[in-house]
Amino acid sequence: MYVQYKEFTYMLPLAFSCSSSGSYERLGYRLQGLIASPHVQKRQYIEVRPAPDESATDWAMLLNALEETNGIQVEHVEPDVIRIAWREYIDLN
């Protein structure tokens, strides 16, 4: 995830646990790649569907961690679509 302070943007270190299969980490990297898109940075949200090969347990852990993070909003917009947003919490003044 990127954080922007006025003219500076930097990448936060990943805080993914080390699972034996690495599936949680791969999920985190997939979301990070989506979030890093310049188009997404302008609108400040992503809508994502879990891939068939991704673990429901990993998704639950990741969404729980995101929901507990200040400044991030997680919303289920359809049964299989999740919106992760941070727009209303950003203050660039």
PDB file of N, CA and C in Angstrom:
ATOM      1  N   MET A   1       0.845  -1.167   0.000  1.00  0.00           N
ATOM      2  CA  MET A   1       0.000   0.000   0.000  1.00  0.00           C
ATOM      3  C   MET A   1       0.889   1.227   0.000  1.00  0.00           C
ATOM      4  N   TYR A   2       0.422   2.233  -0.690  1.00  0.00           N
ATOM      5  CA  TYR A   2       1.147   3.484  -0.747  1.00  0.00           C
ATOM      6  C   TYR A   2       0.476   4.495   0.168  1.00  0.00           C
ATOM      7  N   VAL A   3       1.284   5.338   0.751  1.00  0.00           N
ATOM      8  CA  VAL A   3       0.786   6.427   1.575  1.00  0.00           C
ATOM      9  C   VAL A   3       1.296   7.714   0.962  1.00  0.00           C
ATOM     10  N   GLN A   4       0.428   8.706   0.870  1.00  0.00           N
ATOM     11  CA  GLN A   4       0.825   9.959   0.246  1.00  0.00           C
ATOM     12  C   GLN A   4       0.714  11.086   1.263  1.00  0.00           C
ATOM     13  N   TYR A   5       1.778  11.822   1.420  1.00  0.00           N
ATOM     14  CA  TYR A   5       1.820  13.017   2.252  1.00  0.00           C
ATOM     15  C   TYR A   5       2.253  14.161   1.360  1.00  0.00           C
ATOM     16  N   LYS A   6       1.284  15.019   1.019  1.00  0.00           N
ATOM     17  CA  LYS A   6       1.503  16.142   0.110  1.00  0.00           C
ATOM     18  C   LYS A   6       2.233  15.668  -1.142  1.00  0.00           C
ATOM     19  N   GLU A   7       3.486  16.008  -1.329  1.00  0.00           N
ATOM     20  CA  GLU A   7       4.178  15.639  -2.556  1.00  0.00           C
ATOM     21  C   GLU A   7       4.965  14.334  -2.450  1.00  0.00           C
ATOM     22  N   PHE A   8       4.927  13.670  -1.310  1.00  0.00           N
ATOM     23  CA  PHE A   8       5.705  12.450  -1.129  1.00  0.00           C
ATOM     24  C   PHE A   8       4.797  11.229  -1.117  1.00  0.00           C
ATOM     25  N   THR A   9       5.195  10.204  -1.815  1.00  0.00           N
ATOM     26  CA  THR A   9       4.498   8.929  -1.802  1.00  0.00           C
ATOM     27  C   THR A   9       5.541   7.861  -1.504  1.00  0.00           C
ATOM     28  N   TYR A  10       5.231   7.002  -0.558  1.00  0.00           N
ATOM     29  CA  TYR A  10       6.152   5.915  -0.299  1.00  0.00           C
ATOM     30  C   TYR A  10       5.374   4.650  -0.006  1.00  0.00           C
ATOM     31  N   MET A  11       6.043   3.535  -0.167  1.00  0.00           N
ATOM     32  CA  MET A  11       5.403   2.241  -0.016  1.00  0.00           C
ATOM     33  C   MET A  11       5.601   1.737   1.404  1.00  0.00           C
ATOM     34  N   LEU A  12       4.499   1.350   2.018  1.00  0.00           N
ATOM     35  CA  LEU A  12       4.579   0.779   3.354  1.00  0.00           C
ATOM     36  C   LEU A  12       5.102  -0.649   3.274  1.00  0.00           C
ATOM     37  N   PRO A  13       5.835  -1.105   4.271  1.00  0.00           N
ATOM     38  CA  PRO A  13       6.274  -2.495   4.263  1.00  0.00           C
ATOM     39  C   PRO A  13       5.072  -3.420   4.447  1.00  0.00           C
ATOM     40  N   LEU A  14       5.139  -4.577   3.842  1.00  0.00           N
ATOM     41  CA  LEU A  14       4.062  -5.540   3.976  1.00  0.00           C
ATOM     42  C   LEU A  14       4.069  -6.140   5.372  1.00  0.00           C
ATOM     43  N   ALA A  15       2.883  -6.364   5.895  1.00  0.00           N
ATOM     44  CA  ALA A  15       2.758  -6.926   7.241  1.00  0.00           C
ATOM     45  C   ALA A  15       2.037  -8.260   7.180  1.00  0.00           C
ATOM     46  N   PHE A  16       2.404  -9.075   6.212  1.00  0.00           N
ATOM     47  CA  PHE A  16       1.749 -10.360   6.059  1.00  0.00           C
ATOM     48  C   PHE A  16       2.459 -11.403   6.912  1.00  0.00           C
ATOM     49  N   SER A  17       1.670 -12.249   7.527  1.00  0.00           N
ATOM     50  CA  SER A  17       2.268 -13.323   8.314  1.00  0.00           C
ATOM     51  C   SER A  17       2.875 -14.345   7.372  1.00  0.00           C
ATOM     52  N   CYS A  18       3.726 -15.136   7.903  1.00  0.00           N
ATOM     53  CA  CYS A  18       4.366 -16.157   7.085  1.00  0.00           C
ATOM     54  C   CYS A  18       3.597 -17.465   7.225  1.00  0.00           C
ATOM     55  N   SER A  19       2.738 -17.741   6.271  1.00  0.00           N
ATOM     56  CA  SER A  19       2.025 -19.011   6.289  1.00  0.00           C
ATOM     57  C   SER A  19       2.897 -20.055   5.617  1.00  0.00           C
ATOM     58  N   SER A  20       2.661 -21.289   5.947  1.00  0.00           N
ATOM     59  CA  SER A  20       3.503 -22.342   5.399  1.00  0.00           C
ATOM     60  C   SER A  20       3.344 -22.458   3.886  1.00  0.00           C
ATOM     61  N   SER A  21       2.153 -22.165   3.364  1.00  0.00           N
ATOM     62  CA  SER A  21       1.936 -22.293   1.927  1.00  0.00           C
ATOM     63  C   SER A  21       2.265 -21.017   1.165  1.00  0.00           C
ATOM     64  N   GLY A  22       2.317 -19.881   1.855  1.00  0.00           N
ATOM     65  CA  GLY A  22       2.572 -18.615   1.191  1.00  0.00           C
ATOM     66  C   GLY A  22       1.338 -18.042   0.513  1.00  0.00           C
ATOM     67  N   SER A  23       0.186 -18.693   0.665  1.00  0.00           N
ATOM     68  CA  SER A  23      -1.018 -18.220  -0.025  1.00  0.00           C
ATOM     69  C   SER A  23      -1.486 -16.866   0.506  1.00  0.00           C
ATOM     70  N   TYR A  24      -1.339 -16.626   1.788  1.00  0.00           N
ATOM     71  CA  TYR A  24      -1.724 -15.343   2.373  1.00  0.00           C
ATOM     72  C   TYR A  24      -0.842 -14.229   1.822  1.00  0.00           C
ATOM     73  N   GLU A  25       0.436 -14.513   1.701  1.00  0.00           N
ATOM     74  CA  GLU A  25       1.370 -13.540   1.157  1.00  0.00           C
ATOM     75  C   GLU A  25       1.057 -13.237  -0.304  1.00  0.00           C
ATOM     76  N   ARG A  26       0.745 -14.284  -1.084  1.00  0.00           N
ATOM     77  CA  ARG A  26       0.397 -14.071  -2.494  1.00  0.00           C
ATOM     78  C   ARG A  26      -0.859 -13.215  -2.624  1.00  0.00           C
ATOM     79  N   LEU A  27      -1.828 -13.439  -1.751  1.00  0.00           N
ATOM     80  CA  LEU A  27      -3.043 -12.631  -1.753  1.00  0.00           C
ATOM     81  C   LEU A  27      -2.702 -11.173  -1.442  1.00  0.00           C
ATOM     82  N   GLY A  28      -1.874 -10.953  -0.450  1.00  0.00           N
ATOM     83  CA  GLY A  28      -1.452  -9.595  -0.104  1.00  0.00           C
ATOM     84  C   GLY A  28      -0.729  -8.917  -1.243  1.00  0.00           C
ATOM     85  N   TYR A  29       0.152  -9.637  -1.923  1.00  0.00           N
ATOM     86  CA  TYR A  29       0.873  -9.064  -3.055  1.00  0.00           C
ATOM     87  C   TYR A  29      -0.065  -8.761  -4.217  1.00  0.00           C
ATOM     88  N   ARG A  30      -1.072  -9.607  -4.422  1.00  0.00           N
ATOM     89  CA  ARG A  30      -2.042  -9.346  -5.485  1.00  0.00           C
ATOM     90  C   ARG A  30      -2.790  -8.041  -5.211  1.00  0.00           C
ATOM     91  N   LEU A  31      -3.263  -7.868  -3.972  1.00  0.00           N
ATOM     92  CA  LEU A  31      -3.968  -6.638  -3.626  1.00  0.00           C
ATOM     93  C   LEU A  31      -3.035  -5.439  -3.708  1.00  0.00           C
ATOM     94  N   GLN A  32      -1.813  -5.604  -3.267  1.00  0.00           N
ATOM     95  CA  GLN A  32      -0.848  -4.512  -3.328  1.00  0.00           C
ATOM     96  C   GLN A  32      -0.623  -4.077  -4.775  1.00  0.00           C
ATOM     97  N   GLY A  33      -0.544  -5.035  -5.683  1.00  0.00           N
ATOM     98  CA  GLY A  33      -0.375  -4.707  -7.091  1.00  0.00           C
ATOM     99  C   GLY A  33      -1.560  -3.931  -7.638  1.00  0.00           C
ATOM    100  N   LEU A  34      -2.767  -4.307  -7.237  1.00  0.00           N
ATOM    101  CA  LEU A  34      -3.960  -3.575  -7.673  1.00  0.00           C
ATOM    102  C   LEU A  34      -3.964  -2.158  -7.123  1.00  0.00           C
ATOM    103  N   ILE A  35      -3.598  -2.005  -5.871  1.00  0.00           N
ATOM    104  CA  ILE A  35      -3.614  -0.702  -5.206  1.00  0.00           C
ATOM    105  C   ILE A  35      -2.547   0.226  -5.789  1.00  0.00           C
ATOM    106  N   ALA A  36      -1.466  -0.332  -6.273  1.00  0.00           N
ATOM    107  CA  ALA A  36      -0.347   0.478  -6.773  1.00  0.00           C
ATOM    108  C   ALA A  36      -0.633   1.160  -8.105  1.00  0.00           C
ATOM    109  N   SER A  37      -1.692   0.765  -8.787  1.00  0.00           N
ATOM    110  CA  SER A  37      -2.018   1.352 -10.074  1.00  0.00           C
ATOM    111  C   SER A  37      -2.289   2.848  -9.939  1.00  0.00           C
ATOM    112  N   PRO A  38      -1.707   3.689 -10.819  1.00  0.00           N
ATOM    113  CA  PRO A  38      -1.972   5.137 -10.745  1.00  0.00           C
ATOM    114  C   PRO A  38      -3.460   5.473 -10.866  1.00  0.00           C
ATOM    115  N   HIS A  39      -4.183   4.733 -11.697  1.00  0.00           N
ATOM    116  CA  HIS A  39      -5.627   4.957 -11.843  1.00  0.00           C
ATOM    117  C   HIS A  39      -6.344   4.721 -10.518  1.00  0.00           C
ATOM    118  N   VAL A  40      -5.970   3.684  -9.830  1.00  0.00           N
ATOM    119  CA  VAL A  40      -6.579   3.362  -8.533  1.00  0.00           C
ATOM    120  C   VAL A  40      -6.200   4.405  -7.495  1.00  0.00           C
ATOM    121  N   GLN A  41      -4.996   4.913  -7.546  1.00  0.00           N
ATOM    122  CA  GLN A  41      -4.575   5.929  -6.583  1.00  0.00           C
ATOM    123  C   GLN A  41      -5.425   7.193  -6.713  1.00  0.00           C
ATOM    124  N   LYS A  42      -5.897   7.491  -7.916  1.00  0.00           N
ATOM    125  CA  LYS A  42      -6.754   8.664  -8.102  1.00  0.00           C
ATOM    126  C   LYS A  42      -8.134   8.451  -7.507  1.00  0.00           C
ATOM    127  N   ARG A  43      -8.718   7.270  -7.711  1.00  0.00           N
ATOM    128  CA  ARG A  43     -10.077   7.041  -7.198  1.00  0.00           C
ATOM    129  C   ARG A  43     -10.066   6.518  -5.760  1.00  0.00           C
ATOM    130  N   GLN A  44      -8.967   5.974  -5.299  1.00  0.00           N
ATOM    131  CA  GLN A  44      -8.705   5.553  -3.925  1.00  0.00           C
ATOM    132  C   GLN A  44      -9.603   4.424  -3.428  1.00  0.00           C
ATOM    133  N   TYR A  45      -9.881   3.479  -4.295  1.00  0.00           N
ATOM    134  CA  TYR A  45     -10.526   2.235  -3.885  1.00  0.00           C
ATOM    135  C   TYR A  45     -10.284   1.179  -4.955  1.00  0.00           C
ATOM    136  N   ILE A  46     -10.407  -0.063  -4.555  1.00  0.00           N
ATOM    137  CA  ILE A  46     -10.373  -1.173  -5.497  1.00  0.00           C
ATOM    138  C   ILE A  46     -11.597  -2.031  -5.251  1.00  0.00           C
ATOM    139  N   GLU A  47     -12.047  -2.694  -6.285  1.00  0.00           N
ATOM    140  CA  GLU A  47     -13.070  -3.712  -6.160  1.00  0.00           C
ATOM    141  C   GLU A  47     -12.430  -4.991  -6.662  1.00  0.00           C
ATOM    142  N   VAL A  48     -12.502  -6.025  -5.860  1.00  0.00           N
ATOM    143  CA  VAL A  48     -11.777  -7.245  -6.165  1.00  0.00           C
ATOM    144  C   VAL A  48     -12.659  -8.455  -5.872  1.00  0.00           C
ATOM    145  N   ARG A  49     -12.459  -9.488  -6.673  1.00  0.00           N
ATOM    146  CA  ARG A  49     -13.138 -10.771  -6.474  1.00  0.00           C
ATOM    147  C   ARG A  49     -12.079 -11.792  -6.044  1.00  0.00           C
ATOM    148  N   PRO A  50     -12.380 -12.573  -5.037  1.00  0.00           N
ATOM    149  CA  PRO A  50     -11.446 -13.646  -4.704  1.00  0.00           C
ATOM    150  C   PRO A  50     -11.291 -14.602  -5.890  1.00  0.00           C
ATOM    151  N   ALA A  51     -10.074 -14.955  -6.185  1.00  0.00           N
ATOM    152  CA  ALA A  51      -9.811 -15.915  -7.259  1.00  0.00           C
ATOM    153  C   ALA A  51     -10.180 -17.314  -6.772  1.00  0.00           C
ATOM    154  N   PRO A  52     -10.571 -18.193  -7.675  1.00  0.00           N
ATOM    155  CA  PRO A  52     -10.974 -19.543  -7.272  1.00  0.00           C
ATOM    156  C   PRO A  52      -9.899 -20.308  -6.503  1.00  0.00           C
ATOM    157  N   ASP A  53      -8.634 -20.004  -6.778  1.00  0.00           N
ATOM    158  CA  ASP A  53      -7.552 -20.730  -6.108  1.00  0.00           C
ATOM    159  C   ASP A  53      -7.102 -20.081  -4.796  1.00  0.00           C
ATOM    160  N   GLU A  54      -7.757 -18.993  -4.390  1.00  0.00           N
ATOM    161  CA  GLU A  54      -7.386 -18.317  -3.141  1.00  0.00           C
ATOM    162  C   GLU A  54      -8.210 -18.857  -1.982  1.00  0.00           C
ATOM    163  N   SER A  55      -7.568 -18.997  -0.861  1.00  0.00           N
ATOM    164  CA  SER A  55      -8.183 -19.573   0.331  1.00  0.00           C
ATOM    165  C   SER A  55      -9.190 -18.612   0.964  1.00  0.00           C
ATOM    166  N   ALA A  56     -10.373 -19.137   1.295  1.00  0.00           N
ATOM    167  CA  ALA A  56     -11.386 -18.337   1.997  1.00  0.00           C
ATOM    168  C   ALA A  56     -10.866 -17.920   3.370  1.00  0.00           C
ATOM    169  N   THR A  57     -10.074 -18.760   3.990  1.00  0.00           N
ATOM    170  CA  THR A  57      -9.484 -18.441   5.293  1.00  0.00           C
ATOM    171  C   THR A  57      -8.514 -17.272   5.170  1.00  0.00           C
ATOM    172  N   ASP A  58      -7.679 -17.294   4.126  1.00  0.00           N
ATOM    173  CA  ASP A  58      -6.744 -16.185   3.904  1.00  0.00           C
ATOM    174  C   ASP A  58      -7.495 -14.884   3.664  1.00  0.00           C
ATOM    175  N   TRP A  59      -8.560 -14.950   2.865  1.00  0.00           N
ATOM    176  CA  TRP A  59      -9.370 -13.756   2.619  1.00  0.00           C
ATOM    177  C   TRP A  59      -9.973 -13.230   3.912  1.00  0.00           C
ATOM    178  N   ALA A  60     -10.504 -14.123   4.719  1.00  0.00           N
ATOM    179  CA  ALA A  60     -11.109 -13.699   5.987  1.00  0.00           C
ATOM    180  C   ALA A  60     -10.077 -13.026   6.887  1.00  0.00           C
ATOM    181  N   MET A  61      -8.879 -13.591   6.968  1.00  0.00           N
ATOM    182  CA  MET A  61      -7.812 -13.000   7.790  1.00  0.00           C
ATOM    183  C   MET A  61      -7.423 -11.628   7.263  1.00  0.00           C
ATOM    184  N   LEU A  62      -7.252 -11.518   5.950  1.00  0.00           N
ATOM    185  CA  LEU A  62      -6.831 -10.252   5.362  1.00  0.00           C
ATOM    186  C   LEU A  62      -7.903  -9.183   5.532  1.00  0.00           C
ATOM    187  N   LEU A  63      -9.158  -9.529   5.265  1.00  0.00           N
ATOM    188  CA  LEU A  63     -10.235  -8.550   5.410  1.00  0.00           C
ATOM    189  C   LEU A  63     -10.397  -8.124   6.864  1.00  0.00           C
ATOM    190  N   ASN A  64     -10.232  -9.056   7.780  1.00  0.00           N
ATOM    191  CA  ASN A  64     -10.298  -8.712   9.200  1.00  0.00           C
ATOM    192  C   ASN A  64      -9.196  -7.720   9.564  1.00  0.00           C
ATOM    193  N   ALA A  65      -7.993  -7.969   9.086  1.00  0.00           N
ATOM    194  CA  ALA A  65      -6.876  -7.052   9.364  1.00  0.00           C
ATOM    195  C   ALA A  65      -7.133  -5.682   8.755  1.00  0.00           C
ATOM    196  N   LEU A  66      -7.664  -5.651   7.533  1.00  0.00           N
ATOM    197  CA  LEU A  66      -7.952  -4.370   6.888  1.00  0.00           C
ATOM    198  C   LEU A  66      -9.061  -3.616   7.616  1.00  0.00           C
ATOM    199  N   GLU A  67     -10.098  -4.328   8.039  1.00  0.00           N
ATOM    200  CA  GLU A  67     -11.211  -3.687   8.752  1.00  0.00           C
ATOM    201  C   GLU A  67     -10.765  -3.076  10.078  1.00  0.00           C
ATOM    202  N   GLU A  68      -9.738  -3.630  10.679  1.00  0.00           N
ATOM    203  CA  GLU A  68      -9.223  -3.111  11.945  1.00  0.00           C
ATOM    204  C   GLU A  68      -8.210  -1.989  11.750  1.00  0.00           C
ATOM    205  N   THR A  69      -7.898  -1.668  10.512  1.00  0.00           N
ATOM    206  CA  THR A  69      -6.906  -0.640  10.204  1.00  0.00           C
ATOM    207  C   THR A  69      -7.597   0.707  10.051  1.00  0.00           C
ATOM    208  N   ASN A  70      -7.148   1.687  10.813  1.00  0.00           N
ATOM    209  CA  ASN A  70      -7.705   3.037  10.696  1.00  0.00           C
ATOM    210  C   ASN A  70      -7.497   3.557   9.289  1.00  0.00           C
ATOM    211  N   GLY A  71      -8.540   4.156   8.735  1.00  0.00           N
ATOM    212  CA  GLY A  71      -8.434   4.773   7.429  1.00  0.00           C
ATOM    213  C   GLY A  71      -8.776   3.871   6.266  1.00  0.00           C
ATOM    214  N   ILE A  72      -9.129   2.626   6.537  1.00  0.00           N
ATOM    215  CA  ILE A  72      -9.486   1.702   5.468  1.00  0.00           C
ATOM    216  C   ILE A  72     -10.905   1.222   5.698  1.00  0.00           C
ATOM    217  N   GLN A  73     -11.687   1.227   4.617  1.00  0.00           N
ATOM    218  CA  GLN A  73     -13.069   0.779   4.679  1.00  0.00           C
ATOM    219  C   GLN A  73     -13.213  -0.439   3.783  1.00  0.00           C
ATOM    220  N   VAL A  74     -13.813  -1.501   4.301  1.00  0.00           N
ATOM    221  CA  VAL A  74     -14.057  -2.722   3.539  1.00  0.00           C
ATOM    222  C   VAL A  74     -15.565  -2.889   3.417  1.00  0.00           C
ATOM    223  N   GLU A  75     -16.020  -3.107   2.195  1.00  0.00           N
ATOM    224  CA  GLU A  75     -17.454  -3.234   1.950  1.00  0.00           C
ATOM    225  C   GLU A  75     -17.689  -4.369   0.960  1.00  0.00           C
ATOM    226  N   HIS A  76     -18.662  -5.208   1.250  1.00  0.00           N
ATOM    227  CA  HIS A  76     -19.061  -6.271   0.327  1.00  0.00           C
ATOM    228  C   HIS A  76     -20.165  -5.692  -0.556  1.00  0.00           C
ATOM    229  N   VAL A  77     -19.832  -5.361  -1.816  1.00  0.00           N
ATOM    230  CA  VAL A  77     -20.793  -4.710  -2.698  1.00  0.00           C
ATOM    231  C   VAL A  77     -21.656  -5.714  -3.455  1.00  0.00           C
ATOM    232  N   GLU A  78     -21.189  -6.907  -3.589  1.00  0.00           N
ATOM    233  CA  GLU A  78     -21.920  -8.037  -4.164  1.00  0.00           C
ATOM    234  C   GLU A  78     -21.432  -9.264  -3.417  1.00  0.00           C
ATOM    235  N   PRO A  79     -22.132 -10.375  -3.556  1.00  0.00           N
ATOM    236  CA  PRO A  79     -21.682 -11.571  -2.813  1.00  0.00           C
ATOM    237  C   PRO A  79     -20.220 -11.951  -3.062  1.00  0.00           C
ATOM    238  N   ASP A  80     -19.711 -11.682  -4.263  1.00  0.00           N
ATOM    239  CA  ASP A  80     -18.328 -12.071  -4.562  1.00  0.00           C
ATOM    240  C   ASP A  80     -17.436 -10.879  -4.917  1.00  0.00           C
ATOM    241  N   VAL A  81     -17.867  -9.662  -4.590  1.00  0.00           N
ATOM    242  CA  VAL A  81     -17.074  -8.464  -4.886  1.00  0.00           C
ATOM    243  C   VAL A  81     -16.842  -7.685  -3.593  1.00  0.00           C
ATOM    244  N   ILE A  82     -15.586  -7.356  -3.352  1.00  0.00           N
ATOM    245  CA  ILE A  82     -15.209  -6.626  -2.145  1.00  0.00           C
ATOM    246  C   ILE A  82     -14.594  -5.294  -2.559  1.00  0.00           C
ATOM    247  N   ARG A  83     -15.073  -4.215  -1.950  1.00  0.00           N
ATOM    248  CA  ARG A  83     -14.502  -2.889  -2.190  1.00  0.00           C
ATOM    249  C   ARG A  83     -13.628  -2.532  -0.996  1.00  0.00           C
ATOM    250  N   ILE A  84     -12.401  -2.167  -1.280  1.00  0.00           N
ATOM    251  CA  ILE A  84     -11.462  -1.703  -0.263  1.00  0.00           C
ATOM    252  C   ILE A  84     -11.156  -0.251  -0.606  1.00  0.00           C
ATOM    253  N   ALA A  85     -11.511   0.655   0.310  1.00  0.00           N
ATOM    254  CA  ALA A  85     -11.403   2.087   0.020  1.00  0.00           C
ATOM    255  C   ALA A  85     -10.649   2.800   1.122  1.00  0.00           C
ATOM    256  N   TRP A  86     -10.084   3.925   0.749  1.00  0.00           N
ATOM    257  CA  TRP A  86      -9.380   4.757   1.724  1.00  0.00           C
ATOM    258  C   TRP A  86      -9.591   6.236   1.450  1.00  0.00           C
ATOM    259  N   ARG A  87     -10.443   6.595   0.513  1.00  0.00           N
ATOM    260  CA  ARG A  87     -10.667   7.976   0.076  1.00  0.00           C
ATOM    261  C   ARG A  87     -11.075   8.905   1.207  1.00  0.00           C
ATOM    262  N   GLU A  88     -12.145   8.611   1.919  1.00  0.00           N
ATOM    263  CA  GLU A  88     -12.696   9.564   2.874  1.00  0.00           C
ATOM    264  C   GLU A  88     -11.800   9.787   4.087  1.00  0.00           C
ATOM    265  N   TYR A  89     -10.735   9.016   4.203  1.00  0.00           N
ATOM    266  CA  TYR A  89      -9.871   9.150   5.371  1.00  0.00           C
ATOM    267  C   TYR A  89      -8.573   9.885   5.062  1.00  0.00           C
ATOM    268  N   ILE A  90      -8.310  10.170   3.792  1.00  0.00           N
ATOM    269  CA  ILE A  90      -7.067  10.812   3.387  1.00  0.00           C
ATOM    270  C   ILE A  90      -7.181  12.328   3.583  1.00  0.00           C
ATOM    271  N   ASP A  91      -6.197  12.921   4.217  1.00  0.00           N
ATOM    272  CA  ASP A  91      -6.158  14.362   4.388  1.00  0.00           C
ATOM    273  C   ASP A  91      -4.825  14.854   3.848  1.00  0.00           C
ATOM    274  N   LEU A  92      -4.852  15.517   2.704  1.00  0.00           N
ATOM    275  CA  LEU A  92      -3.610  15.965   2.076  1.00  0.00           C
ATOM    276  C   LEU A  92      -3.321  17.422   2.344  1.00  0.00           C
ATOM    277  N   ASN A  93      -4.016  18.054   3.272  1.00  0.00           N
ATOM    278  CA  ASN A  93      -3.767  19.460   3.569  1.00  0.00           C
ATOM    279  C   ASN A  93      -2.563  19.656   4.447  1.00  0.00           C
TER     280      ASN A  93
END
